[in-house]
Protein backbone atom coordinates (compact mmCIF):
# COMPACT_ATOMS: atom_id res chain seq x y z
CA MET A 1 0.05 0.05 -0.08
CA ALA A 2 2.84 2.53 0.95
CA GLY A 3 4.33 1.93 -2.67
CA VAL A 4 1.10 2.49 -4.28
CA ILE A 5 0.71 5.85 -2.24
CA LEU A 6 4.14 6.98 -2.96
CA ARG A 7 3.68 6.45 -6.52
CA LEU A 8 0.47 8.34 -6.61
CA SER A 9 1.96 11.34 -4.95
CA HIS A 10 4.52 11.51 -7.88
CA ARG A 11 2.06 10.72 -10.69
CA LYS A 12 -0.62 12.96 -9.61
CA GLY A 13 1.74 15.69 -8.60
CA LYS A 14 2.76 16.15 -12.12
CA ASP A 15 -0.92 17.21 -13.07
CA LEU A 16 -1.92 19.03 -9.79
CA LEU A 17 1.05 21.02 -8.92
CA GLU A 18 2.63 23.87 -10.65
CA SER A 19 6.12 22.57 -9.78
CA GLY A 20 5.28 19.20 -11.10
CA GLY A 21 6.75 17.63 -8.15
CA PRO A 22 5.32 14.97 -5.87
CA CYS A 23 2.24 15.89 -3.72
CA ARG A 24 3.15 16.09 0.09
CA MET A 25 2.78 12.90 2.01
CA ARG A 26 4.16 11.13 4.82
CA ILE A 27 4.97 7.39 5.32
CA ASP A 28 6.28 6.34 8.63
CA HIS A 29 5.68 4.26 11.76
CA SER A 30 5.03 7.24 14.09
CA SER A 31 1.52 7.43 15.77
CA ALA A 32 -1.21 9.53 14.53
CA ARG A 33 -1.20 11.21 18.06
CA LYS A 34 2.41 12.22 17.83
CA LEU A 35 1.83 13.43 14.43
CA GLU A 36 -1.14 15.49 15.43
CA TYR A 37 -3.13 14.11 12.44
CA SER A 38 -6.22 15.35 14.19
CA ARG A 39 -5.16 18.94 13.46
CA ARG A 40 -4.72 18.31 9.68
CA ASN A 41 -6.75 20.11 7.14
CA LYS A 42 -9.35 17.56 6.27
CA LYS A 43 -10.35 19.24 3.15
CA ARG A 44 -6.89 19.27 1.69
CA SER A 45 -5.82 15.76 3.00
CA PHE A 46 -6.54 12.01 2.50
CA LEU A 47 -5.74 9.93 5.47
CA VAL A 48 -4.98 6.28 4.66
CA SER A 49 -3.89 3.37 6.70
CA LEU A 50 -3.59 -0.51 6.30
CA LEU A 51 -4.29 -3.13 8.75
CA ARG A 52 -3.56 -6.82 8.95
CA ASP A 53 -4.89 -9.64 11.20
CA PRO A 54 -3.35 -8.50 14.56
CA THR A 55 -2.08 -12.07 15.48
CA LYS A 56 -0.57 -12.51 12.04
CA ARG A 57 1.04 -9.23 12.41
CA ALA A 58 2.48 -10.04 15.76
CA ILE A 59 3.92 -13.39 14.49
CA SER A 60 5.65 -11.41 11.61
CA GLN A 61 6.98 -8.87 13.89
CA TYR A 62 8.57 -11.51 16.25
CA PHE A 63 10.28 -13.47 13.25
CA HIS A 64 11.44 -10.27 11.76
CA PHE A 65 12.96 -8.51 14.56
CA ARG A 66 14.19 -11.51 16.60
CA VAL A 67 14.72 -14.48 14.28
CA SER A 68 15.56 -12.98 10.95
CA ASP A 69 17.42 -9.82 12.38
CA LYS A 70 18.86 -11.24 15.88
CA LYS A 71 19.06 -14.79 14.90
CA GLU A 72 17.10 -15.82 17.92
CA ASP A 73 16.07 -19.48 18.19
CA PRO A 74 12.20 -19.48 17.86
CA THR A 75 11.31 -21.51 20.81
CA ASP A 76 8.09 -21.38 22.59
CA GLU A 77 9.74 -19.63 25.56
CA ASN A 78 11.34 -17.13 23.44
CA PHE A 79 8.36 -16.33 21.37
CA GLN A 80 6.19 -15.62 24.54
CA ASN A 81 8.84 -13.65 26.37
CA PHE A 82 8.99 -11.18 23.22
CA PHE A 83 5.35 -10.21 24.15
CA PHE A 84 5.73 -10.47 27.89
CA ASP A 85 9.02 -8.18 27.80
CA ASP A 86 7.26 -5.15 26.49
CA PRO A 87 3.60 -5.34 26.55
CA GLY A 88 3.13 -1.59 26.83
CA HIS A 89 4.62 -1.21 23.42
CA ARG A 90 3.53 -4.36 21.43
CA SER A 91 -0.10 -4.91 22.90
CA ASN A 92 -2.75 -3.18 20.77
CA TYR A 93 -0.40 -2.09 18.24
CA PHE A 94 -2.67 -0.91 15.58
CA THR A 95 -4.96 1.00 17.97
CA LYS A 96 -2.06 2.94 19.50
CA ASP A 97 -0.75 3.75 16.17
CA LEU A 98 -4.01 5.04 14.50
CA ALA A 99 -5.69 6.67 17.56
CA MET A 100 -5.76 10.28 17.53
CA ASP A 101 -5.76 10.74 21.37
CA ARG A 102 -4.25 8.63 24.09
CA VAL A 103 -6.27 5.63 24.99
CA ASP A 104 -7.03 4.63 28.70
CA TRP A 105 -7.12 0.90 28.19
CA GLU A 106 -9.16 0.20 31.60
CA THR A 107 -11.78 2.98 31.32
CA ASP A 108 -12.25 4.10 27.82
CA ASP A 109 -15.29 2.53 25.85
CA LYS A 110 -13.85 0.00 23.40
CA GLY A 111 -16.50 0.61 20.84
CA ALA A 112 -16.18 4.54 20.96
CA VAL A 113 -12.38 4.31 20.62
CA ILE A 114 -12.65 1.95 17.65
CA GLN A 115 -15.56 4.03 15.88
CA THR A 116 -13.59 7.33 16.57
CA ILE A 117 -10.56 5.72 14.56
CA LEU A 118 -12.78 4.49 11.53
CA ASP A 119 -14.41 7.88 11.26
CA GLU A 120 -11.11 9.80 11.39
CA TYR A 121 -9.53 7.82 8.38
CA ASN A 122 -10.56 8.35 4.86
CA PHE A 123 -9.77 4.75 4.10
CA ILE A 124 -8.19 1.80 5.84
CA GLY A 125 -7.43 -1.06 3.80
CA ILE A 126 -6.82 -4.85 4.66
CA THR A 127 -3.60 -6.63 4.02
CA GLU A 128 -5.20 -9.79 3.43
CA ARG A 129 -7.51 -8.23 0.86
CA MET A 130 -4.87 -5.87 -0.88
CA ASP A 131 -6.21 -6.06 -4.29
CA GLU A 132 -9.73 -5.41 -3.10
CA SER A 133 -8.56 -2.54 -1.01
CA LEU A 134 -6.67 -1.03 -3.82
CA VAL A 135 -9.62 -1.27 -6.38
CA VAL A 136 -11.97 0.51 -3.74
CA LEU A 137 -9.33 3.19 -3.18
CA LYS A 138 -9.27 3.51 -6.88
CA MET A 139 -13.07 3.97 -7.16
CA LEU A 140 -13.23 6.31 -4.37
CA LEU A 141 -10.63 8.71 -5.58
CA GLY A 142 -11.29 8.19 -9.43
CA LEU A 143 -7.99 6.72 -10.23
CA ASP A 144 -6.75 4.83 -13.15
CA PHE A 145 -5.92 1.01 -13.07
CA GLU A 146 -2.25 2.26 -13.84
CA ASP A 147 -2.10 4.24 -10.65
CA ILE A 148 -2.64 1.10 -8.43
CA LEU A 149 -0.17 -1.32 -9.98
CA TYR A 150 2.66 -2.50 -7.64
CA MET A 151 5.49 -4.85 -7.38
CA SER A 152 5.69 -7.12 -4.24
CA ALA A 153 8.51 -6.97 -1.89
CA LYS A 154 9.66 -8.42 1.45
CA THR A 155 8.35 -11.82 1.04
CA ASN A 156 9.35 -14.78 3.19
CA GLY A 157 12.47 -16.56 1.82
CA SER A 158 13.86 -13.28 0.44
CA PHE A 159 16.11 -10.65 1.61
CA THR A 160 15.60 -7.08 3.18
CA SER A 161 17.95 -4.42 4.06
CA GLY A 162 19.00 -3.84 7.63
CA GLN A 163 22.05 -3.63 10.01
CA VAL A 164 24.58 -6.48 9.72
CA ASP A 165 27.81 -6.12 11.72
CA GLY A 166 27.12 -2.56 12.25
CA LYS A 167 26.65 -1.68 8.72
CA THR A 168 23.81 -1.86 6.14
CA GLY A 169 23.58 -5.08 4.56
CA CYS A 170 21.02 -7.74 3.73
CA ILE A 171 18.89 -9.93 5.99
CA TYR A 172 17.31 -13.37 5.19
CA ILE A 173 13.51 -13.00 5.84
CA THR A 174 13.05 -16.37 7.68
CA PRO A 175 9.63 -17.90 7.02
CA SER A 176 7.39 -17.79 10.11
CA PHE A 177 5.77 -20.96 11.56
CA LEU A 178 3.76 -21.82 14.54
CA THR A 179 4.32 -24.61 17.18
CA GLU A 180 1.49 -26.22 19.08
CA GLY A 181 2.85 -24.23 22.20
CA MET A 182 2.39 -20.96 20.16
CA LYS A 183 -1.01 -21.85 19.08
CA GLU A 184 -1.97 -22.60 22.76
CA PHE A 185 -0.52 -19.18 23.68
CA PHE A 186 -2.76 -17.51 21.13
CA ALA A 187 -5.81 -19.17 22.62
CA SER A 188 -5.03 -17.89 26.19
CA GLU A 189 -7.07 -15.13 28.03
CA TYR A 190 -3.75 -13.44 28.24
CA TRP A 191 -3.65 -13.18 24.33
CA ARG A 192 -7.29 -12.18 24.08
CA ARG A 193 -6.76 -8.96 26.26
CA TYR A 194 -3.37 -8.26 24.74
CA LEU A 195 -4.91 -7.61 21.29
CA GLU A 196 -8.52 -7.03 22.53
CA PHE A 197 -8.64 -3.42 20.81
CA ASP A 198 -6.87 -4.37 17.79
CA ASN A 199 -9.10 -7.44 17.15
CA LEU A 200 -12.15 -4.98 17.20
CA LEU A 201 -10.47 -2.50 14.98
CA TYR A 202 -9.50 -5.14 12.42
CA LYS A 203 -12.91 -6.51 12.41
CA GLY A 204 -14.47 -3.00 12.14
CA ALA A 205 -12.20 -2.21 9.19
CA VAL A 206 -13.19 -5.29 7.36
CA LYS A 207 -16.71 -4.48 7.88
CA SER A 208 -16.17 -0.85 6.64
CA LEU A 209 -14.66 -2.41 3.56
CA ASP A 210 -17.48 -4.64 2.85
CA ASN A 211 -19.73 -1.76 3.47
CA THR A 212 -17.86 0.36 1.01
CA ILE A 213 -17.98 -2.11 -1.63
CA ASP A 214 -21.65 -2.44 -1.30
CA ALA A 215 -22.10 1.52 -1.60
CA LEU A 216 -19.94 1.58 -4.62
CA GLY A 217 -21.84 -1.17 -6.16
CA ARG A 218 -20.61 -4.81 -5.80
CA LYS A 219 -21.34 -5.83 -9.41
CA GLU A 220 -19.15 -2.86 -10.68
CA PHE A 221 -16.44 -3.57 -8.04
CA GLU A 222 -16.27 -7.22 -9.15
CA GLN A 223 -15.71 -6.20 -12.65
CA GLN A 224 -13.11 -3.80 -11.75
CA LEU A 225 -11.29 -6.17 -9.55
CA ALA A 226 -11.20 -8.87 -12.32
CA THR A 227 -9.73 -6.32 -14.66
CA PHE A 228 -7.07 -5.14 -12.15
CA LYS A 229 -6.02 -8.61 -11.46
CA LYS A 230 -5.33 -9.20 -14.90
CA ALA A 231 -3.47 -5.92 -15.04
CA GLN A 232 -1.64 -6.72 -12.04
CA ALA A 233 -0.45 -10.12 -13.31
CA LEU A 234 0.88 -8.55 -16.49
CA ALA A 235 2.72 -5.80 -14.70
CA GLN A 236 4.36 -8.38 -12.62
CA GLU A 237 5.48 -10.34 -15.79
CA LYS A 238 6.74 -7.18 -17.67
CA CYS A 239 8.43 -5.56 -14.78
CA VAL A 240 9.85 -8.28 -12.67
CA ASP A 241 13.29 -8.25 -14.50
CA ARG A 242 13.33 -4.51 -14.40
CA THR A 243 12.70 -4.12 -10.57
CA ILE A 244 15.78 -3.94 -8.51
CA TYR A 245 15.52 -3.97 -4.86
CA ARG A 246 18.39 -2.96 -2.32
CA CYS A 247 18.99 -6.57 -1.59
CA ASN A 248 19.12 -8.91 -4.58
CA SER A 249 17.97 -12.53 -4.72
CA LYS A 250 21.34 -13.79 -3.44
CA GLY A 251 21.41 -11.42 -0.53
CA ASP A 252 23.89 -9.14 -1.89
CA PHE A 253 23.34 -5.31 -0.90
CA VAL A 254 23.30 -3.46 -4.20
CA GLY A 255 22.45 -0.08 -2.45
CA SER A 256 19.72 2.65 -2.72
CA ILE A 257 21.41 4.28 -5.91
CA ASN A 258 21.41 1.10 -7.97
CA SER A 259 17.71 0.14 -6.87
CA THR A 260 14.63 1.04 -8.61
CA CYS A 261 12.63 1.95 -5.50
CA TYR A 262 11.40 5.41 -4.59
CA MET A 263 12.76 4.92 -1.16
CA TRP A 264 14.12 1.99 0.92
CA ASP A 265 12.07 -1.02 -0.44
CA ILE A 266 8.95 1.11 -1.17
CA GLY A 267 7.70 1.81 -4.43
CA CYS A 268 9.92 -0.60 -6.23
CA GLY A 269 9.67 -1.04 -10.17
CA PHE A 270 8.06 2.42 -10.47
CA GLU A 271 9.90 3.35 -13.61
CA CYS A 272 8.67 0.31 -15.42
CA LEU A 273 5.18 0.39 -13.95
CA ASN A 274 4.97 4.18 -14.98
CA GLU A 275 5.48 3.15 -18.58
CA LEU A 276 2.44 0.67 -18.73
CA SER A 277 -0.74 1.60 -20.20
CA LEU A 278 -4.00 -0.28 -19.90
CA GLU A 279 -4.68 0.33 -23.73
CA ASP A 280 -1.44 -1.65 -24.48
CA MET A 281 -2.29 -4.64 -22.21
CA ASP A 282 -4.01 -7.58 -23.70
CA LEU A 283 -6.47 -8.23 -20.86
CA GLU A 284 -8.63 -10.76 -22.74
């Protein structure tokens, strides 16, 4: 999603701004409260976020930061300790990140907190339904199919850039897995409370996505989704060999200068994607 938003800021900035430069945007992991998004000009901005199943996100977080990055042995004990060690930071991660105000986890009404977040954002996509989310975003903003094409990055079994021996290098993304002990942990009362707000927010965002599809017209949406999937498949085929990430498939760091990404591993392959036209694609 971040790569698509970054491409949009550049593509649309050429038409909307006298300078021809990209539209102002912000992509980071800072919270909405710290960035004071509640004070933004709502008439001149479009606030977007993306949610993933909270438990799947937590699993990914552990394997990325502890197993892939720190080379920790993914035992049941290490896995659980990761979440026991810093519950104030890692619990209800999404709610903390998206809420405009500080949340009192003991006294605030859960439903009110979640609804306020959903009301504040112009659009919240769902990772597990990425293509659907992008097509809805296209329909809401009147975009072209070319605007929402993307190249996949940071998949299990590939490499991503990070700190290796004190300098920038490539880290192998270890595929995540679950043991029976981990599954039991996720079924515990501790875990239910740990992600209580996030699970409610995720369910609310999924429902909101479905409601938006119904409001736009499900038949029209399904037709556009089918077209986009064909266009996306062709984009992958045409641009895969021209997309260069900061880390190649062998784990060699090629650097930002040699990559074809807007920044870091975001918006990769944009030069090739920008050359594609739906009129030139055989989508039959």
